[in-house]
Amino acid sequence: MNQKQNTYSNKTELALSALMFFSPLIQNLTKKNDINKSEQNFLKGYIKLGYFNIILLGMTIFFQIIYYTSNNSLFQNLWFVISIVLWISLTVWSICAILNKEIFWNNNKTNLTHSKDALLDNILCYIPIYNIYKRYDEHKFENPNILLKESLLLWTIFSILLLIFPWESLIIMIILIVVLRIISVSNGVYWWEKFENTINKIFKKNPEEIWGYFLGIIKTLFNWKKIKENISNIKQTFELIPKIDYKQILWQYLILLIILLFSFYLWIKNDNINVVVALLLITWRYGVMIIKRKHVPNIPILKEFVNLFFKKKS
């Protein structure tokens, strides 16, 4: 019992030290004979994250120095955003170390390749347009590429945030998050299995399925016993990818086109960069589907609106 406690304590201390910018020192320690294979495998992930944190720390120092020498607020914003990312990284991964959680998938994990040949493809998974093309071109919905699915979910969330919030620093923050995620993927930093399962449960084919959670809750305000059933039924509707020439789908996309054109006009008038980036992301999302696949998903809210003008078959 004491030996197990000592092993746990030793692993935790070394993992926390690696995270707190001592990863080069801990990496040398792991080569010693008194650290067994199991401990070495556990520490590998935290050592890599330690180097990742060192890079973040170096960036914060660099941007702070540039800000003081140039007095440009852009560098202060960059310093602030990276500092937050560093703080989150230290907090989250420290908790994982204390809870004795391994943070890397095994090399034999399905749908993830760690070879140098696959590195570029893994990085491209986070690039808009390519990620949509690749996701639906592979057509693997039962056993998906988790990086593509994560990327699609992230960019969907980013689009919504950009439409809602006018903060100028939001775009910088989003770009940094994507860049940092690409750097982490390049260094083999992935999420654990539970996180993968969570992403898989959020949506099956299309990120539009997320709308099912909101609409399902609204429909079950007075009957919470049916909440799971309602959410599941709505998600299945948005899981479909019908042809673009289907009447109800065609009307959804005609309305979307009008909204996009009008929104671009408002952006030109009000000079809101957040809105235009969000609109471009939305345009790319559905444009690729229309041009390449000729099949498109239903659009949240617009689907419900269009359905008002079509009689349901009895």
Protein backbone atom coordinates (compact mmCIF):
# COMPACT_ATOMS: atom_id res chain seq x y z
CA MET A 1 0.00 0.00 0.00
CA ASN A 2 2.79 2.43 0.95
CA GLN A 3 4.65 1.55 -2.25
CA LYS A 4 1.59 2.43 -4.36
CA GLN A 5 1.19 5.74 -2.51
CA ASN A 6 4.86 6.56 -3.01
CA THR A 7 4.59 5.71 -6.73
CA TYR A 8 1.48 7.91 -7.09
CA SER A 9 3.16 10.76 -5.17
CA ASN A 10 6.34 10.47 -7.21
CA LYS A 11 4.48 10.47 -10.55
CA THR A 12 2.33 13.42 -9.53
CA GLU A 13 5.24 15.52 -8.32
CA LEU A 14 7.24 14.85 -11.47
CA ALA A 15 4.23 15.55 -13.72
CA LEU A 16 3.50 18.85 -11.94
CA SER A 17 7.17 19.82 -12.14
CA ALA A 18 7.19 19.08 -15.86
CA LEU A 19 4.12 21.28 -16.36
CA MET A 20 5.68 24.10 -14.32
CA PHE A 21 8.43 24.70 -16.89
CA PHE A 22 10.87 22.02 -15.66
CA SER A 23 10.17 19.53 -18.46
CA PRO A 24 13.84 19.36 -19.70
CA LEU A 25 14.96 18.40 -16.19
CA ILE A 26 12.16 15.83 -15.74
CA GLN A 27 12.90 14.34 -19.17
CA ASN A 28 16.47 13.64 -18.04
CA LEU A 29 15.19 12.11 -14.79
CA THR A 30 12.89 9.68 -16.64
CA LYS A 31 15.95 8.09 -18.24
CA LYS A 32 17.09 6.84 -14.85
CA ASN A 33 16.56 3.17 -13.97
CA ASP A 34 14.56 3.88 -10.79
CA ILE A 35 11.60 5.17 -12.84
CA ASN A 36 9.68 2.21 -14.23
CA LYS A 37 8.14 1.91 -17.70
CA SER A 38 4.60 2.70 -16.50
CA GLU A 39 5.72 5.94 -14.85
CA GLN A 40 7.73 6.92 -17.93
CA ASN A 41 4.68 6.44 -20.19
CA PHE A 42 2.57 8.51 -17.79
CA LEU A 43 5.11 11.34 -17.68
CA LYS A 44 5.70 11.54 -21.45
CA GLY A 45 2.52 13.50 -22.04
CA TYR A 46 3.17 15.95 -19.22
CA ILE A 47 6.72 16.51 -20.37
CA LYS A 48 5.49 17.44 -23.87
CA LEU A 49 2.91 19.75 -22.35
CA GLY A 50 5.66 21.26 -20.21
CA TYR A 51 7.55 22.24 -23.38
CA PHE A 52 4.27 23.59 -24.73
CA ASN A 53 3.88 25.75 -21.60
CA ILE A 54 7.47 26.96 -21.93
CA ILE A 55 6.65 28.15 -25.47
CA LEU A 56 3.57 29.97 -24.17
CA LEU A 57 5.60 31.59 -21.38
CA GLY A 58 8.22 32.72 -23.90
CA MET A 59 5.50 34.23 -26.09
CA THR A 60 3.99 36.17 -23.18
CA ILE A 61 7.40 37.61 -22.26
CA PHE A 62 8.14 38.45 -25.91
CA PHE A 63 4.82 40.24 -26.54
CA GLN A 64 5.05 42.13 -23.24
CA ILE A 65 8.53 43.43 -24.15
CA ILE A 66 7.32 44.40 -27.66
CA TYR A 67 4.33 46.21 -26.11
CA TYR A 68 6.53 48.26 -23.76
CA THR A 69 8.90 49.20 -26.59
CA SER A 70 6.21 50.00 -29.20
CA ASN A 71 3.21 50.93 -27.02
CA ASN A 72 0.97 49.09 -29.50
CA SER A 73 -2.20 47.78 -27.83
CA LEU A 74 -2.31 44.80 -30.23
CA PHE A 75 0.71 43.26 -28.49
CA GLN A 76 -0.88 43.84 -25.10
CA ASN A 77 -3.99 41.98 -26.30
CA LEU A 78 -1.82 39.14 -27.57
CA TRP A 79 0.00 39.01 -24.23
CA PHE A 80 -3.31 38.95 -22.37
CA VAL A 81 -4.83 36.16 -24.51
CA ILE A 82 -1.73 33.93 -24.37
CA SER A 83 -1.48 34.49 -20.61
CA ILE A 84 -5.05 33.24 -20.22
CA VAL A 85 -4.30 30.21 -22.41
CA LEU A 86 -1.17 29.50 -20.31
CA TRP A 87 -3.12 29.84 -17.06
CA ILE A 88 -5.83 27.49 -18.35
CA SER A 89 -3.21 25.00 -19.54
CA LEU A 90 -1.44 24.98 -16.16
CA THR A 91 -4.70 24.66 -14.22
CA VAL A 92 -6.39 21.97 -16.32
CA TRP A 93 -3.37 19.71 -16.78
CA SER A 94 -2.31 20.10 -13.14
CA ILE A 95 -5.73 18.81 -12.08
CA CYS A 96 -5.30 15.90 -14.51
CA ALA A 97 -1.90 15.09 -13.00
CA ILE A 98 -3.31 15.15 -9.46
CA LEU A 99 -6.18 12.88 -10.58
CA ASN A 100 -3.63 10.50 -12.12
CA LYS A 101 -5.05 10.94 -15.66
CA GLU A 102 -3.07 10.08 -18.76
CA ILE A 103 -3.51 12.81 -21.34
CA PHE A 104 -2.43 11.11 -24.55
CA TRP A 105 -4.14 8.51 -26.65
CA ASN A 106 -2.19 5.36 -27.32
CA ASN A 107 -0.46 5.10 -30.67
CA ASN A 108 -2.84 2.32 -31.74
CA LYS A 109 -5.88 4.57 -31.32
CA THR A 110 -8.34 4.22 -34.20
CA ASN A 111 -8.44 7.01 -36.80
CA LEU A 112 -5.36 8.79 -35.44
CA THR A 113 -2.05 8.41 -37.18
CA HIS A 114 1.18 9.62 -35.62
CA SER A 115 3.56 9.11 -38.51
CA LYS A 116 5.35 12.03 -40.10
CA ASP A 117 3.46 11.42 -43.34
CA ALA A 118 0.16 12.00 -41.53
CA LEU A 119 1.30 15.11 -39.64
CA LEU A 120 0.32 17.59 -42.37
CA ASP A 121 -3.08 15.98 -42.77
CA ASN A 122 -3.71 16.22 -39.02
CA ILE A 123 -2.81 19.92 -39.08
CA LEU A 124 -5.04 20.58 -42.10
CA CYS A 125 -7.97 19.13 -40.16
CA TYR A 126 -8.23 22.49 -38.36
CA ILE A 127 -8.24 24.65 -41.49
CA PRO A 128 -11.67 26.00 -42.59
CA ILE A 129 -12.99 24.76 -45.97
CA TYR A 130 -10.55 21.84 -46.01
CA ASN A 131 -12.01 20.38 -42.82
CA ILE A 132 -15.55 20.46 -44.29
CA TYR A 133 -14.43 18.97 -47.61
CA LYS A 134 -12.42 16.25 -45.88
CA ARG A 135 -15.13 15.39 -43.34
CA TYR A 136 -17.84 14.71 -45.92
CA ASP A 137 -15.47 13.32 -48.53
CA GLU A 138 -14.37 10.60 -46.10
CA HIS A 139 -18.02 9.99 -45.21
CA LYS A 140 -17.03 8.15 -42.03
CA PHE A 141 -19.83 8.92 -39.61
CA GLU A 142 -19.92 5.69 -37.60
CA ASN A 143 -16.15 5.61 -37.05
CA PRO A 144 -15.12 9.24 -37.63
CA ASN A 145 -11.81 11.07 -37.77
CA ILE A 146 -11.95 12.71 -34.34
CA LEU A 147 -9.70 15.62 -35.35
CA LEU A 148 -12.04 16.61 -38.17
CA LYS A 149 -15.04 16.34 -35.90
CA GLU A 150 -13.37 18.42 -33.19
CA SER A 151 -12.37 21.02 -35.78
CA LEU A 152 -15.90 21.29 -37.18
CA LEU A 153 -17.31 21.71 -33.67
CA LEU A 154 -14.76 24.39 -32.76
CA TRP A 155 -15.33 26.46 -35.90
CA THR A 156 -19.12 26.23 -35.42
CA ILE A 157 -18.76 27.60 -31.88
CA PHE A 158 -16.39 30.31 -33.13
CA SER A 159 -18.90 31.40 -35.81
CA ILE A 160 -21.66 31.75 -33.21
CA LEU A 161 -19.41 33.70 -30.82
CA LEU A 162 -18.32 36.10 -33.57
CA LEU A 163 -21.95 36.81 -34.48
CA ILE A 164 -22.90 37.51 -30.87
CA PHE A 165 -19.92 39.39 -29.43
CA PRO A 166 -18.39 42.56 -30.97
CA TRP A 167 -15.05 42.34 -29.13
CA GLU A 168 -12.14 43.19 -31.42
CA SER A 169 -9.80 40.86 -29.52
CA LEU A 170 -12.12 37.87 -30.07
CA ILE A 171 -10.70 37.13 -33.53
CA ILE A 172 -7.15 37.25 -32.15
CA MET A 173 -8.18 34.88 -29.36
CA ILE A 174 -9.78 32.45 -31.83
CA ILE A 175 -6.73 32.47 -34.10
CA LEU A 176 -4.47 31.82 -31.13
CA ILE A 177 -6.62 28.92 -29.92
CA VAL A 178 -6.49 27.34 -33.39
CA VAL A 179 -2.73 27.92 -33.72
CA LEU A 180 -2.08 26.51 -30.25
CA ARG A 181 -4.25 23.48 -31.02
CA ILE A 182 -2.35 22.90 -34.27
CA ILE A 183 0.95 23.16 -32.38
CA SER A 184 -0.29 20.71 -29.76
CA VAL A 185 -1.46 18.23 -32.44
CA SER A 186 1.91 18.60 -34.19
CA ASN A 187 3.56 17.54 -30.94
CA GLY A 188 1.21 14.61 -30.41
CA VAL A 189 -0.96 16.26 -27.76
CA TYR A 190 -4.44 14.77 -28.02
CA TRP A 191 -7.41 14.46 -25.69
CA TRP A 192 -8.28 11.42 -23.62
CA GLU A 193 -10.89 8.83 -24.59
CA LYS A 194 -13.75 10.30 -22.51
CA PHE A 195 -13.40 13.61 -24.34
CA GLU A 196 -13.52 11.79 -27.69
CA ASN A 197 -16.71 10.02 -26.63
CA THR A 198 -18.25 13.34 -25.58
CA ILE A 199 -17.56 14.89 -29.00
CA ASN A 200 -19.04 11.85 -30.71
CA LYS A 201 -22.22 12.16 -28.65
CA ILE A 202 -22.68 15.88 -29.37
CA PHE A 203 -23.35 15.24 -33.06
CA LYS A 204 -23.12 12.33 -35.47
CA LYS A 205 -22.92 13.85 -38.96
CA ASN A 206 -23.54 17.60 -38.83
CA PRO A 207 -22.75 20.21 -36.13
CA GLU A 208 -26.26 21.58 -36.82
CA GLU A 209 -27.48 18.69 -34.66
CA ILE A 210 -26.45 20.80 -31.63
CA TRP A 211 -29.63 22.80 -32.24
CA GLY A 212 -31.51 19.70 -31.09
CA TYR A 213 -30.42 20.32 -27.49
CA PHE A 214 -31.84 23.88 -27.45
CA LEU A 215 -35.05 23.08 -29.32
CA GLY A 216 -35.51 19.85 -27.35
CA ILE A 217 -35.33 21.74 -24.04
CA ILE A 218 -37.87 24.32 -25.28
CA LYS A 219 -40.27 21.58 -26.37
CA THR A 220 -40.06 19.82 -23.01
CA LEU A 221 -40.50 22.79 -20.67
CA PHE A 222 -43.72 21.27 -19.34
CA ASN A 223 -42.86 17.59 -19.74
CA TRP A 224 -39.28 16.84 -18.75
CA LYS A 225 -39.83 13.09 -18.98
CA LYS A 226 -39.64 13.32 -22.78
CA ILE A 227 -36.53 15.51 -22.99
CA LYS A 228 -34.18 12.73 -24.17
CA GLU A 229 -36.72 11.53 -26.73
CA ASN A 230 -37.34 15.05 -28.09
CA ILE A 231 -33.63 15.88 -28.32
CA SER A 232 -32.92 12.57 -30.08
CA ASN A 233 -35.75 13.10 -32.61
CA ILE A 234 -34.64 16.65 -33.44
CA LYS A 235 -30.99 15.62 -33.75
CA GLN A 236 -31.98 12.87 -36.18
CA THR A 237 -33.72 15.48 -38.35
CA PHE A 238 -30.59 17.64 -38.52
CA GLU A 239 -28.48 14.53 -39.06
CA LEU A 240 -30.00 14.15 -42.53
CA ILE A 241 -28.14 15.51 -45.58
CA PRO A 242 -30.85 15.84 -48.29
CA LYS A 243 -30.38 17.09 -51.85
CA ILE A 244 -30.20 20.84 -52.37
CA ASP A 245 -33.08 20.77 -54.87
CA TYR A 246 -35.52 19.42 -52.29
CA LYS A 247 -38.11 22.22 -51.92
CA GLN A 248 -37.89 22.82 -48.18
CA ILE A 249 -34.09 22.70 -48.29
CA LEU A 250 -33.94 25.01 -51.31
CA TRP A 251 -36.08 27.61 -49.53
CA GLN A 252 -33.88 27.43 -46.44
CA TYR A 253 -30.79 28.21 -48.49
CA LEU A 254 -32.45 30.96 -50.52
CA ILE A 255 -33.41 32.69 -47.26
CA LEU A 256 -29.88 32.12 -45.93
CA LEU A 257 -28.44 33.72 -49.09
CA ILE A 258 -30.62 36.80 -48.58
CA ILE A 259 -29.57 37.04 -44.93
CA LEU A 260 -25.90 36.70 -45.84
CA LEU A 261 -26.08 39.38 -48.55
CA PHE A 262 -27.94 41.77 -46.24
CA SER A 263 -25.46 41.07 -43.41
CA PHE A 264 -22.50 41.74 -45.69
CA TYR A 265 -24.12 45.08 -46.59
CA LEU A 266 -24.50 45.95 -42.89
CA TRP A 267 -20.87 45.02 -42.27
CA ILE A 268 -19.67 47.33 -45.02
CA LYS A 269 -21.80 50.06 -43.50
CA ASN A 270 -20.81 49.48 -39.86
CA ASP A 271 -17.30 48.09 -40.41
CA ASN A 272 -17.78 45.09 -38.07
CA ILE A 273 -14.92 42.68 -38.75
CA ASN A 274 -16.29 40.00 -36.39
CA VAL A 275 -19.50 39.69 -38.36
CA VAL A 276 -17.77 39.40 -41.73
CA VAL A 277 -15.47 36.62 -40.47
CA ALA A 278 -18.48 34.76 -39.07
CA LEU A 279 -20.37 35.22 -42.36
CA LEU A 280 -17.40 33.93 -44.35
CA LEU A 281 -17.19 30.85 -42.12
CA ILE A 282 -20.92 30.21 -42.62
CA THR A 283 -20.63 30.77 -46.38
CA TRP A 284 -17.71 28.35 -46.61
CA ARG A 285 -19.55 25.81 -44.46
CA TYR A 286 -22.52 25.52 -46.78
CA GLY A 287 -20.80 26.59 -50.00
CA VAL A 288 -18.49 23.58 -49.95
CA MET A 289 -21.45 21.28 -49.32
CA ILE A 290 -23.44 22.75 -52.22
CA ILE A 291 -20.60 22.80 -54.74
CA LYS A 292 -18.94 19.51 -53.86
CA ARG A 293 -21.68 17.30 -52.44
CA LYS A 294 -24.96 18.73 -53.84
CA HIS A 295 -26.36 17.58 -50.48
CA VAL A 296 -26.72 19.93 -47.50
CA PRO A 297 -27.92 19.77 -43.89
CA ASN A 298 -31.00 21.55 -42.56
CA ILE A 299 -30.32 24.99 -41.12
CA PRO A 300 -31.38 25.66 -37.50
CA ILE A 301 -34.25 28.18 -37.10
CA LEU A 302 -34.67 28.49 -40.89
CA LYS A 303 -35.91 24.90 -41.02
CA GLU A 304 -38.61 25.62 -38.44
CA PHE A 305 -39.57 28.82 -40.26
CA VAL A 306 -39.84 27.15 -43.68
CA ASN A 307 -41.83 24.25 -42.23
CA LEU A 308 -44.60 26.72 -41.33
CA PHE A 309 -45.40 27.07 -45.05
CA PHE A 310 -45.41 23.36 -45.86
CA LYS A 311 -48.29 21.15 -44.82
CA LYS A 312 -47.29 17.97 -43.07
CA LYS A 313 -48.33 14.78 -44.79
CA SER A 314 -50.97 12.90 -42.77
